[in-house]
Amino acid sequence: MKKKIRLFVFWVLIALFTVFVIFSITKLQNVVVVLRTAKVYWILLATFIQLLYFISYSYLYKFSFRIAGIDERVKNFFPVLLSSLFVNVVAPIGGVAGSAYLVDESVRKGESASRATVGVMGAMLSEFSSFGILLIISILYLSNRGSLKTYELVSSLGILFIVVSIIFFMILGMWHPGKLHRVFHFFQRFVNKISMTLRNTTYLADNWAHEHSSDFTTAVKSFTNFKRVLLPIFIAFIGHFLSYLSIFVLFLAFSTKVTPGVLLAGYSMGMLFKIVSPVPQGIGIVETIMVLVFTSLGIRGNVAAVVAVSYRGLTFWIPLLIGFALFYTNKSFRLKHE
């Protein structure tokens, strides 16, 4: 049954990706056209920086998973993280699909689903916490320059909601395991009720809630070691810095100099709307926001546009296509293994 479900999910995602590419073909063509006008050596440097970013992203998950009790090599995280980007785009449910894919890959290797979930949550919390500091600095900078918009300030609350939600479940695991068990038990009953309606059998075992809530609690308590938690947060900062640096290099590719404050504001607002956008990965919205921020801070409109499009090409479109290829070759989904 699980193999049939995997095969069904695989073909559904392939179909969704095909539709996605068809509707986005114009944006892909724009990326290619824009990149042709840049200085090649700067584009190559920006591409290399983005490669370093994804490597640092892999280390972020490696150490978060290690804290949760799962020791995995970086080279194994790299393809899975790129594949999860593809899954998030074709199944846009607030980034949950990509996270579920990461957990599923760990389970396939024999790891605890609860520990993997805690690892994902720890990585996300590290990323959003570090980004939150950059976002606050950007908001203060934009406010000082008189360029802060109401929608930017309101959207920032989305990050706060995500961080608070993750912290809430971690607190339940650390100090209120009984309440966490009740949440898991409610989920177990809900899933089994649906399963009984559709298949006349239960999907989750009777001890599922007890077993997974215990694993979750044990894994979460590992994050109370402040010194161990600092490392993922530091790596998350490195990742943000690399993305920030790639935008700087792209401005050089189009022969434009820009101040650190302008760069940080453009990057932070683009990242913000990538996270809180109602469309997958903020397609179209991120580019627009970055252009609006850059132009409001004195950058010429044509330069702001080509930099934003180029940045999204290197950080989203190319990784998306690579992620699709990696997902397609994933052994757990390939037809011959079914």
Protein backbone atom coordinates (compact mmCIF):
# COMPACT_ATOMS: atom_id res chain seq x y z
CA MET A 1 0.00 0.00 0.00
CA LYS A 2 2.79 2.45 0.92
CA LYS A 3 4.56 1.72 -2.37
CA LYS A 4 1.36 2.46 -4.30
CA ILE A 5 0.92 5.71 -2.38
CA ARG A 6 4.52 6.74 -3.14
CA LEU A 7 4.01 6.01 -6.84
CA PHE A 8 0.73 7.94 -6.88
CA VAL A 9 2.35 10.92 -5.12
CA PHE A 10 5.26 10.81 -7.55
CA TRP A 11 3.07 11.09 -10.66
CA VAL A 12 0.86 13.76 -9.10
CA LEU A 13 3.93 15.90 -8.34
CA ILE A 14 5.30 15.37 -11.84
CA ALA A 15 1.97 16.50 -13.32
CA LEU A 16 1.85 19.55 -11.06
CA PHE A 17 5.43 20.46 -11.95
CA THR A 18 4.63 20.22 -15.67
CA VAL A 19 1.69 22.59 -15.25
CA PHE A 20 3.82 24.89 -13.12
CA VAL A 21 6.57 25.11 -15.78
CA ILE A 22 4.02 25.76 -18.56
CA PHE A 23 2.55 28.71 -16.67
CA SER A 24 6.00 30.01 -15.67
CA ILE A 25 7.77 29.66 -19.03
CA THR A 26 7.77 33.42 -19.61
CA LYS A 27 9.52 34.04 -16.27
CA LEU A 28 12.11 31.39 -17.10
CA GLN A 29 12.78 33.04 -20.47
CA ASN A 30 13.16 36.43 -18.77
CA VAL A 31 15.78 34.99 -16.42
CA VAL A 32 17.81 33.64 -19.35
CA VAL A 33 17.56 36.92 -21.31
CA VAL A 34 18.62 39.01 -18.30
CA LEU A 35 21.59 36.83 -17.45
CA ARG A 36 22.94 37.23 -20.99
CA THR A 37 23.43 40.96 -20.41
CA ALA A 38 25.63 40.56 -17.31
CA LYS A 39 29.38 40.23 -16.89
CA VAL A 40 29.92 36.49 -16.96
CA TYR A 41 32.67 36.28 -14.33
CA TRP A 42 30.50 38.00 -11.71
CA ILE A 43 27.58 35.70 -12.53
CA LEU A 44 29.86 32.69 -12.11
CA LEU A 45 31.01 34.03 -8.74
CA ALA A 46 27.41 34.60 -7.64
CA THR A 47 26.58 31.04 -8.74
CA PHE A 48 29.48 29.69 -6.70
CA ILE A 49 28.32 31.68 -3.67
CA GLN A 50 24.86 30.17 -4.02
CA LEU A 51 26.41 26.71 -4.12
CA LEU A 52 28.12 27.55 -0.83
CA TYR A 53 24.75 28.70 0.48
CA PHE A 54 23.13 25.33 -0.19
CA ILE A 55 26.11 23.57 1.36
CA SER A 56 25.72 25.72 4.49
CA TYR A 57 21.98 24.97 4.42
CA SER A 58 22.85 21.26 4.44
CA TYR A 59 25.11 21.76 7.45
CA LEU A 60 22.30 23.63 9.21
CA TYR A 61 20.05 20.57 8.90
CA LYS A 62 22.89 18.18 9.70
CA PHE A 63 23.56 19.79 13.07
CA SER A 64 19.88 20.34 13.88
CA PHE A 65 19.20 16.67 13.21
CA ARG A 66 22.27 15.70 15.25
CA ILE A 67 20.88 17.60 18.24
CA ALA A 68 17.60 15.72 17.78
CA GLY A 69 19.48 12.41 17.84
CA ILE A 70 19.89 11.68 14.11
CA ASP A 71 23.42 11.67 12.72
CA GLU A 72 23.43 12.07 8.94
CA ARG A 73 26.13 13.11 6.48
CA VAL A 74 25.98 16.48 4.72
CA LYS A 75 26.16 14.90 1.27
CA ASN A 76 22.90 13.09 2.03
CA PHE A 77 21.10 16.29 3.05
CA PHE A 78 22.15 18.27 -0.03
CA PRO A 79 20.01 16.44 -2.65
CA VAL A 80 17.09 15.99 -0.26
CA LEU A 81 16.93 19.73 0.52
CA LEU A 82 16.94 20.61 -3.19
CA SER A 83 14.22 18.02 -3.80
CA SER A 84 12.18 19.50 -0.95
CA LEU A 85 12.27 22.85 -2.77
CA PHE A 86 10.58 21.18 -5.74
CA VAL A 87 8.01 19.54 -3.44
CA ASN A 88 7.24 22.87 -1.75
CA VAL A 89 6.56 24.51 -5.11
CA VAL A 90 4.24 21.86 -6.57
CA ALA A 91 2.52 21.26 -3.22
CA PRO A 92 2.41 24.80 -1.73
CA ILE A 93 0.99 24.38 1.77
CA GLY A 94 3.13 26.80 3.75
CA GLY A 95 6.36 24.85 3.38
CA VAL A 96 4.82 21.85 5.17
CA ALA A 97 5.10 19.56 2.13
CA GLY A 98 8.87 20.05 1.85
CA SER A 99 9.30 19.46 5.58
CA ALA A 100 7.17 16.31 5.38
CA TYR A 101 9.37 15.10 2.52
CA LEU A 102 12.50 15.61 4.67
CA VAL A 103 10.91 13.64 7.51
CA ASP A 104 9.77 10.91 5.13
CA GLU A 105 13.29 10.49 3.76
CA SER A 106 14.61 10.04 7.30
CA VAL A 107 11.91 7.51 8.11
CA ARG A 108 12.76 5.58 4.94
CA LYS A 109 16.30 5.23 6.30
CA GLY A 110 15.00 3.80 9.56
CA GLU A 111 15.04 6.94 11.70
CA SER A 112 12.34 8.10 14.10
CA ALA A 113 9.72 10.34 12.47
CA SER A 114 9.39 12.34 15.69
CA ARG A 115 13.12 12.97 15.97
CA ALA A 116 13.26 13.96 12.28
CA THR A 117 10.35 16.35 12.83
CA VAL A 118 12.18 17.95 15.77
CA GLY A 119 15.31 18.24 13.60
CA VAL A 120 13.35 20.04 10.88
CA MET A 121 11.71 22.32 13.44
CA GLY A 122 15.09 23.11 15.00
CA ALA A 123 16.56 24.02 11.60
CA MET A 124 13.56 26.20 10.76
CA LEU A 125 13.70 27.92 14.15
CA SER A 126 17.43 28.62 13.70
CA GLU A 127 16.85 30.01 10.24
CA PHE A 128 13.89 32.20 11.17
CA SER A 129 15.48 33.42 14.41
CA SER A 130 18.63 34.58 12.61
CA PHE A 131 16.55 36.09 9.83
CA GLY A 132 14.35 37.84 12.38
CA ILE A 133 17.37 39.80 13.62
CA LEU A 134 18.23 40.86 10.05
CA LEU A 135 14.59 41.76 9.43
CA ILE A 136 14.45 44.02 12.49
CA ILE A 137 17.61 45.83 11.35
CA SER A 138 16.10 46.24 7.87
CA ILE A 139 12.82 47.60 9.24
CA LEU A 140 14.71 50.16 11.36
CA TYR A 141 16.82 51.13 8.33
CA LEU A 142 13.79 51.53 6.05
CA SER A 143 11.95 53.49 8.74
CA ASN A 144 14.93 55.83 9.15
CA ARG A 145 15.02 56.36 5.37
CA GLY A 146 11.26 56.97 5.26
CA SER A 147 10.74 53.99 2.95
CA LEU A 148 8.98 51.55 5.28
CA LYS A 149 5.59 50.46 3.96
CA THR A 150 2.68 49.24 6.07
CA TYR A 151 2.42 45.94 4.17
CA GLU A 152 6.09 45.23 4.93
CA LEU A 153 5.54 45.76 8.64
CA VAL A 154 2.35 43.67 8.70
CA SER A 155 3.96 40.84 6.71
CA SER A 156 6.74 40.70 9.27
CA LEU A 157 4.17 39.36 11.73
CA GLY A 158 4.04 36.19 9.59
CA ILE A 159 7.59 35.34 10.62
CA LEU A 160 6.67 35.97 14.25
CA PHE A 161 3.70 33.59 13.95
CA ILE A 162 5.88 30.79 12.51
CA VAL A 163 8.55 31.20 15.19
CA VAL A 164 5.98 31.29 18.00
CA SER A 165 4.25 28.17 16.63
CA ILE A 166 7.51 26.19 16.54
CA ILE A 167 8.50 27.39 20.02
CA PHE A 168 5.02 26.46 21.32
CA PHE A 169 5.35 22.80 20.29
CA MET A 170 8.92 22.64 21.57
CA ILE A 171 7.83 24.02 24.94
CA LEU A 172 5.08 21.40 25.12
CA GLY A 173 7.66 18.70 24.50
CA MET A 174 10.13 20.10 27.05
CA TRP A 175 7.92 20.99 29.98
CA HIS A 176 4.40 19.66 29.27
CA PRO A 177 4.81 16.18 27.77
CA GLY A 178 1.35 15.18 28.98
CA LYS A 179 -0.30 17.93 26.95
CA LEU A 180 1.85 17.05 23.95
CA HIS A 181 0.72 13.43 24.26
CA ARG A 182 -2.90 14.59 24.17
CA VAL A 183 -2.19 16.55 20.96
CA PHE A 184 -0.63 13.45 19.38
CA HIS A 185 -3.51 11.31 20.60
CA PHE A 186 -6.04 13.71 19.07
CA PHE A 187 -4.13 13.54 15.77
CA GLN A 188 -4.07 9.72 15.95
CA ARG A 189 -7.84 9.54 16.47
CA PHE A 190 -8.46 12.06 13.69
CA VAL A 191 -6.34 10.14 11.15
CA ASN A 192 -7.79 6.76 12.13
CA LYS A 193 -11.32 8.10 11.89
CA ILE A 194 -10.70 9.19 8.31
CA SER A 195 -8.96 5.87 7.58
CA MET A 196 -11.91 3.89 8.96
CA THR A 197 -14.28 5.88 6.77
CA LEU A 198 -12.25 5.36 3.59
CA ARG A 199 -10.68 1.91 4.13
CA ASN A 200 -12.58 0.39 7.07
CA THR A 201 -9.29 -0.05 8.96
CA THR A 202 -7.06 2.08 11.19
CA TYR A 203 -3.93 3.65 9.71
CA LEU A 204 -2.01 4.43 12.92
CA ALA A 205 -1.28 1.81 15.59
CA ASP A 206 -2.85 2.09 19.04
CA ASN A 207 0.50 2.99 20.62
CA TRP A 208 1.39 5.56 17.93
CA ALA A 209 0.65 8.64 20.05
CA HIS A 210 2.53 7.34 23.09
CA GLU A 211 5.58 6.20 21.11
CA HIS A 212 5.94 9.33 18.96
CA SER A 213 5.19 11.84 21.71
CA SER A 214 7.89 10.18 23.84
CA ASP A 215 10.41 10.34 20.97
CA PHE A 216 9.45 13.94 20.31
CA THR A 217 9.88 14.90 23.96
CA THR A 218 13.28 13.19 24.21
CA ALA A 219 14.51 14.90 21.03
CA VAL A 220 13.23 18.35 21.98
CA LYS A 221 14.93 18.24 25.38
CA SER A 222 18.25 18.02 23.54
CA PHE A 223 17.65 21.60 22.39
CA THR A 224 17.82 22.87 25.97
CA ASN A 225 21.62 22.69 25.65
CA PHE A 226 22.22 26.32 24.69
CA LYS A 227 25.78 25.78 23.46
CA ARG A 228 24.67 23.08 21.01
CA VAL A 229 21.82 25.24 19.71
CA LEU A 230 24.14 28.17 18.98
CA LEU A 231 25.89 26.27 16.17
CA PRO A 232 22.79 25.88 13.91
CA ILE A 233 21.91 29.53 14.51
CA PHE A 234 25.45 30.59 13.56
CA ILE A 235 25.32 28.46 10.40
CA ALA A 236 21.94 30.02 9.54
CA PHE A 237 23.57 33.47 9.80
CA ILE A 238 26.30 32.28 7.41
CA GLY A 239 23.63 31.18 4.94
CA HIS A 240 21.90 34.56 5.05
CA PHE A 241 25.24 36.32 4.63
CA LEU A 242 26.04 34.24 1.54
CA SER A 243 22.70 35.13 -0.06
CA TYR A 244 23.29 38.78 0.84
CA LEU A 245 26.76 38.57 -0.71
CA SER A 246 25.41 37.04 -3.92
CA ILE A 247 23.13 40.08 -4.43
CA PHE A 248 26.12 42.37 -3.97
CA VAL A 249 28.03 40.41 -6.63
CA LEU A 250 25.04 40.59 -8.99
CA PHE A 251 25.00 44.37 -8.69
CA LEU A 252 28.67 44.30 -9.70
CA ALA A 253 27.72 42.08 -12.66
CA PHE A 254 25.54 44.93 -13.89
CA SER A 255 28.16 47.61 -13.07
CA THR A 256 26.33 49.12 -10.10
CA LYS A 257 27.62 49.86 -6.61
CA VAL A 258 25.25 49.69 -3.65
CA THR A 259 25.53 50.38 0.09
CA PRO A 260 25.26 47.59 2.73
CA GLY A 261 22.03 49.05 4.14
CA VAL A 262 20.28 49.05 0.77
CA LEU A 263 21.44 45.50 0.11
CA LEU A 264 20.20 44.23 3.46
CA ALA A 265 16.81 45.92 3.07
CA GLY A 266 16.29 44.46 -0.41
CA TYR A 267 17.38 40.98 0.65
CA SER A 268 15.36 40.94 3.88
CA MET A 269 12.12 42.10 2.29
CA GLY A 270 12.54 39.65 -0.59
CA MET A 271 13.14 36.82 1.89
CA LEU A 272 10.18 37.94 3.99
CA PHE A 273 7.72 37.76 1.10
CA LYS A 274 9.18 34.45 -0.04
CA ILE A 275 8.13 33.05 3.35
CA VAL A 276 4.73 34.72 3.84
CA SER A 277 3.63 34.89 0.19
CA PRO A 278 0.36 33.12 -0.71
CA VAL A 279 1.95 31.81 -3.95
CA PRO A 280 4.64 29.09 -4.05
CA GLN A 281 8.01 30.50 -2.91
CA GLY A 282 6.77 34.03 -3.64
CA ILE A 283 7.01 33.64 -7.44
CA GLY A 284 6.63 37.07 -9.01
CA ILE A 285 6.03 38.72 -5.64
CA VAL A 286 9.62 38.45 -4.33
CA GLU A 287 11.03 40.03 -7.48
CA THR A 288 8.47 42.84 -7.36
CA ILE A 289 9.11 43.60 -3.68
CA MET A 290 12.89 43.64 -4.15
CA VAL A 291 12.55 46.07 -7.07
CA LEU A 292 10.23 48.34 -5.06
CA VAL A 293 12.61 48.39 -2.09
CA PHE A 294 15.72 49.01 -4.18
CA THR A 295 14.12 51.79 -6.23
CA SER A 296 12.72 53.45 -3.09
CA LEU A 297 16.31 53.60 -1.82
CA GLY A 298 17.73 55.25 -4.92
CA ILE A 299 18.65 52.33 -7.23
CA ARG A 300 17.70 52.80 -10.89
CA GLY A 301 14.61 50.82 -11.85
CA ASN A 302 16.19 48.90 -14.74
CA VAL A 303 19.17 47.85 -12.58
CA ALA A 304 16.93 46.84 -9.67
CA ALA A 305 14.81 44.73 -12.01
CA VAL A 306 17.68 42.82 -13.63
CA VAL A 307 19.37 42.17 -10.28
CA ALA A 308 16.13 40.88 -8.73
CA VAL A 309 15.39 38.61 -11.69
CA SER A 310 18.99 37.34 -11.79
CA TYR A 311 19.00 36.68 -8.05
CA ARG A 312 15.80 34.66 -8.30
CA GLY A 313 17.22 32.77 -11.26
CA LEU A 314 20.23 31.67 -9.22
CA THR A 315 18.45 31.07 -5.92
CA PHE A 316 15.13 29.65 -7.08
CA TRP A 317 14.74 28.65 -10.72
CA ILE A 318 18.02 26.80 -11.21
CA PRO A 319 17.81 25.00 -7.81
CA LEU A 320 14.17 24.16 -8.61
CA LEU A 321 15.10 22.44 -11.86
CA ILE A 322 17.95 20.59 -10.13
CA GLY A 323 15.58 19.63 -7.31
CA PHE A 324 13.10 18.24 -9.84
CA ALA A 325 15.83 16.10 -11.43
CA LEU A 326 16.99 14.83 -8.03
CA PHE A 327 13.42 14.07 -6.96
CA TYR A 328 12.83 12.17 -10.19
CA THR A 329 15.88 9.96 -9.56
CA ASN A 330 15.06 9.42 -5.88
CA LYS A 331 15.13 5.67 -5.23
CA SER A 332 12.09 5.80 -3.01
CA PHE A 333 9.95 7.10 -5.87
CA ARG A 334 11.45 5.49 -8.94
CA LEU A 335 9.07 3.16 -10.74
CA LYS A 336 11.46 0.22 -11.02
CA HIS A 337 11.64 0.03 -7.23
CA GLU A 338 7.91 -0.19 -6.95
